[in-house]
Amino acid sequence: MCNLFVSYFNYKLGLINTALISSVYGVDHVDPQNTSIIVCKVRSYGAQILLKLSRSFMVAACIDRWALTSPYARIRSFCQPKVARNVIIGLILIWPIIPVHMAIFINNYSGRCGAPSYYAFAFSIYLFIFIGILPPAFMISFDALTWHNLKQIRSRVAPRNDPTRFRLAKVDRDLIKMLAGEVLVYLVTTVVYPVNTLYGVITTPIAQQRSEMRLAIEDLVEYIVSPIPNYIYCIAPFYGRI
C-alpha cells in the first residue's frame, strides 16, 4: 500500500512540475505547445501518461485496501510489498503504450495544439471512458466493498486468543480514510473534464452559429474544468494535514 501511495504522489509531483506549470504559464505568455510541434506532442502525450499512472495507482490502492479488509486470508495474502512492486512496474510499462495514439494525431492546427476533427470524437470518447467512467467506477466500487468489510470486522466478536481473529492496525485505518478523501477529490475535480470535452466535440458542427460571447464563455469554462481542477487534484493530498 505504501509503495502505491509513494508512486502515486511521485507521479503527481512530476505532473505538477511539467504539464500543469506549462498550462498556467500559457495564460499570459505565448504557450510553447502552440508554437512547437515537438512540445505539443511531448506535453500532450507525457501529461496523459502521468495522469493515467497517478489514477491507476489510486485504483490499485483502492483494490489493495479492499483486499486487506477481506475476511478471506487468501485475498489478504495479496497485500504484500512484492505484489505492489509488480503492479507498479506493470502499470509503468503499460500506460506509455495505451495513449500512443495521442503522440501520432495530436498536432498544431492553426496555431493551436489539439486534435484534428477526424480524431477529436474518438479522442473525447477515449477521455470519457478512461477518465470519467472507469476510474470512478473502480474507485467507488472497491471503496464501497472496503467499508462493507470494515463493518463486518467491527461487528465480528471473537475471543482474543482466536487464531482466525483479524484486526486492522491504526495505520491501515488511517490509510483507508486518506484514500477515501483522495477518491472524493478525484470525483470533484476530474469527472467534469471529459464531459466538457465530449460537449465541445458534439457542438463543433454548430460552432459558426455561436456568438463570440458564447465562444468566450465556453473557452473560460474549458480552462476552469482543466487544467485548474487537475492542478487542485494533484496538490490537494499535500495539504491534507494542514
Protein backbone atom coordinates (compact mmCIF):
# COMPACT_ATOMS: atom_id res chain seq x y z
CA MET A 1 0.00 0.00 0.00
CA CYS A 2 2.73 2.46 0.97
CA ASN A 3 4.59 1.67 -2.28
CA LEU A 4 1.46 2.51 -4.26
CA PHE A 5 0.96 5.78 -2.38
CA VAL A 6 4.62 6.79 -2.85
CA SER A 7 4.37 6.14 -6.60
CA TYR A 8 1.04 7.97 -6.71
CA PHE A 9 2.48 11.09 -5.05
CA ASN A 10 5.72 11.00 -7.07
CA TYR A 11 3.86 10.97 -10.38
CA LYS A 12 1.64 13.79 -9.17
CA LEU A 13 4.74 15.84 -8.38
CA GLY A 14 6.07 15.08 -11.85
CA LEU A 15 2.79 16.23 -13.38
CA ILE A 16 2.76 19.46 -11.35
CA ASN A 17 6.33 20.31 -12.33
CA THR A 18 5.83 19.65 -16.05
CA ALA A 19 2.48 19.74 -17.83
CA LEU A 20 0.44 21.78 -15.35
CA ILE A 21 3.04 24.51 -14.89
CA SER A 22 3.26 24.94 -18.66
CA SER A 23 -0.55 25.27 -18.82
CA VAL A 24 -0.57 28.02 -16.20
CA TYR A 25 2.41 29.69 -17.92
CA GLY A 26 0.42 29.86 -21.13
CA VAL A 27 -2.27 32.05 -19.52
CA ASP A 28 -0.34 35.32 -20.02
CA HIS A 29 2.56 34.12 -22.20
CA VAL A 30 2.88 32.52 -25.60
CA ASP A 31 2.19 28.86 -24.95
CA PRO A 32 5.15 26.84 -26.31
CA GLN A 33 2.87 23.95 -27.29
CA ASN A 34 1.09 26.26 -29.76
CA THR A 35 4.35 27.19 -31.50
CA SER A 36 6.28 23.92 -31.43
CA ILE A 37 5.05 20.59 -32.77
CA ILE A 38 7.52 18.70 -30.58
CA VAL A 39 6.41 20.47 -27.40
CA CYS A 40 2.77 19.95 -28.39
CA LYS A 41 3.17 16.21 -28.85
CA VAL A 42 5.51 15.60 -25.91
CA ARG A 43 3.42 17.64 -23.48
CA SER A 44 0.10 16.05 -24.50
CA TYR A 45 1.46 12.51 -24.59
CA GLY A 46 3.63 12.88 -21.47
CA ALA A 47 0.90 14.54 -19.39
CA GLN A 48 -1.53 11.80 -20.38
CA ILE A 49 0.89 9.12 -19.18
CA LEU A 50 1.49 10.86 -15.84
CA LEU A 51 -2.22 11.44 -15.26
CA LYS A 52 -3.17 7.88 -16.14
CA LEU A 53 -0.42 6.46 -13.94
CA SER A 54 -1.46 8.53 -10.92
CA ARG A 55 -5.09 7.47 -11.36
CA SER A 56 -4.13 3.85 -11.89
CA PHE A 57 -2.05 3.87 -8.70
CA MET A 58 -5.08 5.23 -6.84
CA VAL A 59 -7.30 2.48 -8.26
CA ALA A 60 -4.67 -0.09 -7.30
CA ALA A 61 -4.58 1.36 -3.78
CA CYS A 62 -8.38 1.03 -3.54
CA ILE A 63 -8.13 -2.62 -4.58
CA ASP A 64 -5.30 -3.14 -2.07
CA ARG A 65 -7.41 -1.71 0.78
CA TRP A 66 -10.32 -3.94 -0.20
CA ALA A 67 -8.03 -6.98 -0.20
CA LEU A 68 -6.57 -6.00 3.18
CA THR A 69 -10.02 -5.82 4.79
CA SER A 70 -11.28 -9.02 3.16
CA PRO A 71 -12.49 -11.72 5.58
CA TYR A 72 -10.64 -14.28 3.45
CA ALA A 73 -6.97 -14.88 4.25
CA ARG A 74 -6.24 -15.88 0.64
CA ILE A 75 -7.30 -12.46 -0.63
CA ARG A 76 -5.45 -10.66 2.18
CA SER A 77 -2.28 -12.51 1.17
CA PHE A 78 -2.09 -10.32 -1.96
CA CYS A 79 -1.34 -7.27 0.24
CA GLN A 80 2.40 -7.78 0.05
CA PRO A 81 5.15 -5.29 -0.95
CA LYS A 82 6.27 -7.66 -3.71
CA VAL A 83 2.79 -7.67 -5.27
CA ALA A 84 2.61 -3.87 -5.06
CA ARG A 85 6.00 -3.51 -6.76
CA ASN A 86 4.92 -5.84 -9.58
CA VAL A 87 1.72 -3.84 -10.06
CA ILE A 88 3.69 -0.58 -10.18
CA ILE A 89 6.13 -1.96 -12.75
CA GLY A 90 3.28 -3.37 -14.84
CA LEU A 91 1.41 -0.05 -14.91
CA ILE A 92 4.58 1.87 -15.79
CA LEU A 93 5.12 -0.47 -18.74
CA ILE A 94 1.50 -0.48 -19.95
CA TRP A 95 0.49 3.19 -19.83
CA PRO A 96 3.12 4.57 -22.25
CA ILE A 97 1.63 2.20 -24.85
CA ILE A 98 -2.12 2.88 -24.48
CA PRO A 99 -2.12 6.65 -25.25
CA VAL A 100 0.49 6.41 -28.05
CA HIS A 101 -2.26 7.47 -30.48
CA MET A 102 -2.01 10.96 -28.96
CA ALA A 103 1.65 11.25 -29.98
CA ILE A 104 0.55 10.41 -33.52
CA PHE A 105 -2.57 12.54 -34.01
CA ILE A 106 -2.18 15.49 -31.61
CA ASN A 107 -0.55 18.34 -33.54
CA ASN A 108 -0.54 22.09 -34.13
CA TYR A 109 -3.57 23.15 -36.14
CA SER A 110 -4.00 26.83 -36.97
CA GLY A 111 -1.57 27.80 -34.24
CA ARG A 112 -3.21 25.71 -31.54
CA CYS A 113 -2.18 22.34 -30.13
CA GLY A 114 -5.10 19.96 -30.36
CA ALA A 115 -6.78 17.04 -32.06
CA PRO A 116 -7.87 17.09 -35.74
CA SER A 117 -11.58 16.91 -36.48
CA TYR A 118 -11.44 13.31 -37.74
CA TYR A 119 -9.81 12.22 -34.47
CA ALA A 120 -11.49 14.58 -31.99
CA PHE A 121 -14.63 12.48 -31.40
CA ALA A 122 -12.68 9.24 -30.84
CA PHE A 123 -10.32 11.15 -28.53
CA SER A 124 -13.21 12.57 -26.50
CA ILE A 125 -14.71 9.07 -26.13
CA TYR A 126 -11.29 7.82 -25.01
CA LEU A 127 -11.12 10.56 -22.34
CA PHE A 128 -14.72 9.95 -21.30
CA ILE A 129 -14.07 6.24 -20.73
CA PHE A 130 -10.59 6.37 -19.20
CA ILE A 131 -11.19 9.46 -17.03
CA GLY A 132 -14.92 9.81 -16.48
CA ILE A 133 -16.13 6.21 -16.27
CA LEU A 134 -13.55 3.52 -15.48
CA PRO A 135 -11.50 5.16 -12.67
CA PRO A 136 -14.54 6.46 -10.72
CA ALA A 137 -16.34 3.14 -11.19
CA PHE A 138 -13.40 1.14 -9.84
CA MET A 139 -12.70 3.60 -7.01
CA ILE A 140 -16.29 3.82 -5.81
CA SER A 141 -16.87 0.06 -6.12
CA PHE A 142 -13.79 -1.01 -4.17
CA ASP A 143 -14.22 1.79 -1.62
CA ALA A 144 -17.78 0.58 -1.01
CA LEU A 145 -16.55 -3.01 -0.66
CA THR A 146 -13.83 -1.85 1.75
CA TRP A 147 -16.31 -0.05 4.00
CA HIS A 148 -18.57 -3.12 3.85
CA ASN A 149 -15.66 -5.28 5.01
CA LEU A 150 -14.88 -2.79 7.78
CA LYS A 151 -18.45 -3.03 9.05
CA GLN A 152 -18.13 -6.79 9.13
CA ILE A 153 -14.86 -6.54 11.05
CA ARG A 154 -16.41 -4.22 13.64
CA SER A 155 -19.45 -6.46 14.09
CA ARG A 156 -17.39 -9.60 14.42
CA VAL A 157 -16.96 -10.77 18.02
CA ALA A 158 -14.16 -13.25 18.71
CA PRO A 159 -12.01 -14.21 21.70
CA ARG A 160 -8.58 -12.56 21.90
CA ASN A 161 -6.84 -15.93 21.57
CA ASP A 162 -8.81 -16.90 18.45
CA PRO A 163 -6.21 -17.54 15.67
CA THR A 164 -8.73 -16.50 12.98
CA ARG A 165 -9.29 -13.13 14.62
CA PHE A 166 -8.35 -10.25 12.33
CA ARG A 167 -7.89 -6.63 13.32
CA LEU A 168 -6.75 -3.63 11.31
CA ALA A 169 -3.77 -1.65 12.54
CA LYS A 170 -4.30 2.07 13.14
CA VAL A 171 -2.03 2.97 10.23
CA ASP A 172 -4.17 0.86 7.88
CA ARG A 173 -7.35 2.57 9.11
CA ASP A 174 -5.72 5.97 8.55
CA LEU A 175 -4.66 4.98 5.04
CA ILE A 176 -8.21 3.88 4.23
CA LYS A 177 -9.56 7.26 5.40
CA MET A 178 -6.93 9.12 3.39
CA LEU A 179 -7.71 7.04 0.31
CA ALA A 180 -11.43 7.80 0.65
CA GLY A 181 -10.58 11.51 0.72
CA GLU A 182 -8.41 11.09 -2.39
CA VAL A 183 -11.27 9.44 -4.25
CA LEU A 184 -13.63 12.28 -3.30
CA VAL A 185 -11.12 14.88 -4.53
CA TYR A 186 -10.75 12.97 -7.80
CA LEU A 187 -14.50 12.85 -8.39
CA VAL A 188 -14.97 16.56 -7.66
CA THR A 189 -12.03 17.82 -9.73
CA THR A 190 -11.73 15.44 -12.67
CA VAL A 191 -15.03 13.93 -13.81
CA VAL A 192 -16.32 17.16 -15.38
CA TYR A 193 -13.36 17.44 -17.77
CA PRO A 194 -14.21 14.53 -20.14
CA VAL A 195 -17.86 15.60 -20.16
CA ASN A 196 -16.85 19.11 -21.26
CA THR A 197 -14.51 17.67 -23.91
CA LEU A 198 -17.30 15.49 -25.30
CA TYR A 199 -19.64 18.51 -25.33
CA GLY A 200 -17.08 20.52 -27.29
CA VAL A 201 -16.76 17.84 -29.96
CA ILE A 202 -20.52 17.32 -30.28
CA THR A 203 -21.16 21.07 -30.68
CA THR A 204 -18.31 21.62 -33.16
CA PRO A 205 -20.61 21.44 -36.23
CA ILE A 206 -22.60 24.44 -34.94
CA ALA A 207 -19.53 26.44 -33.87
CA GLN A 208 -20.07 29.00 -36.63
CA GLN A 209 -23.60 29.66 -35.34
CA ARG A 210 -22.39 30.53 -31.84
CA SER A 211 -21.77 34.13 -30.89
CA GLU A 212 -18.35 35.44 -29.86
CA MET A 213 -19.64 35.84 -26.30
CA ARG A 214 -20.71 32.20 -26.13
CA LEU A 215 -17.39 31.03 -27.56
CA ALA A 216 -15.53 33.14 -24.99
CA ILE A 217 -17.65 31.70 -22.17
CA GLU A 218 -17.04 28.15 -23.41
CA ASP A 219 -13.27 28.80 -23.57
CA LEU A 220 -13.39 30.10 -19.99
CA VAL A 221 -15.35 27.04 -18.84
CA GLU A 222 -12.85 24.78 -20.61
CA TYR A 223 -9.99 26.43 -18.72
CA ILE A 224 -11.88 26.21 -15.42
CA VAL A 225 -12.56 22.48 -15.77
CA SER A 226 -8.98 21.87 -16.99
CA PRO A 227 -6.17 22.47 -16.04
CA ILE A 228 -7.25 24.17 -12.79
CA PRO A 229 -9.10 21.10 -11.39
CA ASN A 230 -6.21 18.86 -12.46
CA TYR A 231 -3.83 21.15 -10.59
CA ILE A 232 -6.06 21.01 -7.50
CA TYR A 233 -6.30 17.22 -7.84
CA CYS A 234 -2.51 16.96 -7.86
CA ILE A 235 -1.74 19.32 -4.97
CA ALA A 236 -4.68 18.50 -2.65
CA PRO A 237 -3.01 15.47 -0.97
CA PHE A 238 -0.05 17.59 0.13
CA TYR A 239 -2.39 19.89 2.10
CA GLY A 240 -4.39 17.09 3.69
CA ARG A 241 -2.86 17.64 7.13
CA ILE A 242 -2.90 21.46 7.12
